[in-house]
Protein backbone atom coordinates (compact mmCIF):
# COMPACT_ATOMS: atom_id res chain seq x y z
CA UNK A 1 -27.34 23.64 1.62
CA UNK A 2 -26.52 26.69 3.74
CA UNK A 3 -27.02 28.97 0.73
CA UNK A 4 -30.48 27.55 0.07
CA UNK A 5 -31.47 28.00 3.72
CA UNK A 6 -30.15 31.56 3.68
CA UNK A 7 -32.10 32.38 0.49
CA UNK A 8 -35.30 30.94 1.98
CA UNK A 9 -34.87 32.95 5.20
CA UNK A 10 -34.17 36.15 3.26
CA UNK A 11 -37.26 35.61 1.09
CA UNK A 12 -39.42 35.06 4.17
CA UNK A 13 -37.96 38.14 5.83
CA UNK A 14 -38.63 40.34 2.81
CA UNK A 15 -42.29 39.43 2.48
CA UNK A 16 -44.88 41.85 3.78
CA UNK A 17 -48.50 41.90 4.76
CA UNK A 18 -50.81 43.34 2.13
CA UNK A 19 -53.48 45.90 2.89
CA UNK A 20 -56.20 47.36 0.70
CA UNK A 21 -58.67 50.05 1.70
CA UNK A 22 -62.03 50.85 0.14
CA UNK A 23 -63.45 54.28 0.92
CA UNK A 24 -67.25 54.37 0.86
CA UNK A 25 -69.07 57.69 0.72
CA UNK A 26 -67.30 61.00 1.33
CA UNK A 27 -64.38 59.65 3.36
CA UNK A 28 -60.95 60.87 2.31
CA UNK A 29 -57.69 59.01 2.99
CA UNK A 30 -56.51 61.90 5.18
CA UNK A 31 -59.61 61.80 7.45
CA UNK A 32 -59.02 60.31 10.92
CA UNK A 33 -60.98 57.09 11.41
CA UNK A 34 -61.85 54.83 14.31
CA UNK A 35 -62.05 51.04 14.07
CA UNK A 36 -65.58 49.82 14.69
CA UNK A 37 -65.24 46.08 14.19
CA UNK A 38 -63.25 43.39 12.41
CA UNK A 39 -63.99 39.98 10.96
CA UNK A 40 -61.75 37.10 9.91
CA UNK A 41 -62.34 35.66 6.43
CA UNK A 42 -61.18 32.13 5.61
CA UNK A 43 -60.07 30.78 2.22
CA UNK A 44 -58.29 27.76 0.83
CA UNK A 45 -55.64 27.42 -1.89
CA UNK A 46 -54.14 30.94 -1.80
CA UNK A 47 -57.55 32.61 -1.47
CA UNK A 48 -59.21 30.91 -4.44
CA UNK A 49 -61.80 28.83 -2.57
CA UNK A 50 -63.93 30.54 0.12
CA UNK A 51 -64.70 28.52 3.24
CA UNK A 52 -67.99 29.01 5.03
CA UNK A 53 -70.05 32.18 4.75
CA UNK A 54 -67.62 34.85 3.55
CA UNK A 55 -70.30 37.32 2.48
CA UNK A 56 -69.96 40.19 4.92
CA UNK A 57 -72.84 42.67 5.10
CA UNK A 58 -71.38 46.10 5.87
CA UNK A 59 -74.56 47.31 7.59
CA UNK A 60 -74.05 44.72 10.36
CA UNK A 61 -70.82 46.50 11.32
CA UNK A 62 -71.30 50.19 10.45
CA UNK A 63 -75.06 50.48 10.90
CA UNK A 64 -76.79 53.15 8.80
CA UNK A 65 -73.64 55.20 8.23
CA UNK A 66 -73.03 56.32 4.66
CA UNK A 67 -69.31 57.09 5.14
CA UNK A 68 -66.92 54.35 6.20
CA UNK A 69 -63.72 52.52 5.29
CA UNK A 70 -63.35 48.79 4.67
CA UNK A 71 -59.78 47.58 5.17
CA UNK A 72 -58.85 44.10 3.95
CA UNK A 73 -55.46 42.92 5.11
CA UNK A 74 -53.36 39.89 5.66
CA UNK A 75 -51.82 40.39 9.07
CA UNK A 76 -48.56 38.80 10.16
CA UNK A 77 -50.46 35.99 11.89
CA UNK A 78 -52.62 35.42 8.78
CA UNK A 79 -49.50 35.26 6.61
CA UNK A 80 -47.78 32.96 9.08
CA UNK A 81 -50.72 30.54 9.04
CA UNK A 82 -50.72 30.63 5.25
CA UNK A 83 -46.97 29.94 5.22
CA UNK A 84 -47.23 27.05 7.70
CA UNK A 85 -49.98 25.37 5.66
CA UNK A 86 -48.13 26.04 2.37
CA UNK A 87 -50.99 28.21 1.11
CA UNK A 88 -53.69 25.61 1.64
CA UNK A 89 -55.36 27.72 4.34
CA UNK A 90 -55.26 31.47 3.64
CA UNK A 91 -57.00 33.71 6.19
CA UNK A 92 -57.39 37.48 6.00
CA UNK A 93 -58.86 40.16 8.25
CA UNK A 94 -61.54 42.67 7.25
CA UNK A 95 -61.71 45.80 9.42
CA UNK A 96 -64.46 48.43 9.38
CA UNK A 97 -63.61 52.03 10.26
CA UNK A 98 -65.79 55.14 10.48
CA UNK A 99 -64.72 58.79 10.39
CA UNK A 100 -64.01 60.29 13.81
CA UNK A 101 -66.77 62.90 13.46
CA UNK A 102 -69.40 60.15 12.87
CA UNK A 103 -68.55 57.96 15.87
CA UNK A 104 -71.38 59.27 18.02
CA UNK A 105 -74.03 58.61 15.34
C-alpha cells in the first residue's frame, strides 16, 4: 500500500502545467511583451466538452492591434481543480499579450 501511495505522489509531483503560445502578426518569441488581459475557459471531461460561451474574440482584449500573443495555459490551480474533479471539470487560462513598443497604441 505504501508503494502505491508513493508512486501516486511521485506521478503528481512530476506533472507540469502546459503552455502554448500563438504569435499573431510580426511578433517574435524574443520580443518583450506585456500582459493585457486574461480569461478563464471552462471545459468538461478533460477538455472535450466546452461549457458556456468559450468563443473568445481577440479584438475585445487587444483592440485594433495587429501584433499580439495569445497564451493558453493550464496553471497550477487549473490543474489542481482538474485533479480534484478527476478530469470532469478542466479549466484553462487564456492570456493576451502585446509587444512592449505597442502598449501606448
